[in-house]
Amino acid sequence: MLLDIVSVFNMVSILAKKEQSFQLTHEGVK
């Protein structure tokens, strides 16, 4: 149970970082 929460949290943080970097590159292109 605890491991599931940790893995989900890790996935969310990784996705958030990807979206942030994507937005940054998008802004840079503009």
Protein backbone atom coordinates (compact mmCIF):
# COMPACT_ATOMS: atom_id res chain seq x y z
CA MET A 1 0.00 0.00 0.00
CA LEU A 2 2.70 2.46 1.04
CA LEU A 3 4.81 1.53 -1.98
CA ASP A 4 1.86 2.22 -4.29
CA ILE A 5 1.49 5.72 -2.86
CA VAL A 6 5.20 6.38 -3.25
CA SER A 7 5.29 5.14 -6.86
CA VAL A 8 2.22 7.20 -7.76
CA PHE A 9 3.77 10.29 -6.14
CA ASN A 10 6.99 9.68 -8.09
CA MET A 11 5.07 9.33 -11.37
CA VAL A 12 3.15 12.55 -10.69
CA SER A 13 6.30 14.50 -9.85
CA ILE A 14 8.05 13.18 -12.99
CA LEU A 15 5.06 14.14 -15.16
CA ALA A 16 4.96 17.60 -13.55
CA LYS A 17 8.66 18.08 -14.31
CA LYS A 18 8.11 16.99 -17.92
CA GLU A 19 5.22 19.44 -18.32
CA GLN A 20 7.28 22.24 -16.77
CA SER A 21 10.24 21.62 -19.09
CA PHE A 22 7.85 21.35 -22.06
CA GLN A 23 6.30 24.72 -21.17
CA LEU A 24 9.77 26.24 -20.78
CA THR A 25 10.89 24.99 -24.20
CA HIS A 26 7.58 26.15 -25.70
CA GLU A 27 8.13 29.63 -24.25
CA GLY A 28 11.70 29.58 -25.56
CA VAL A 29 10.48 28.75 -29.08
CA LYS A 30 8.12 31.71 -28.95
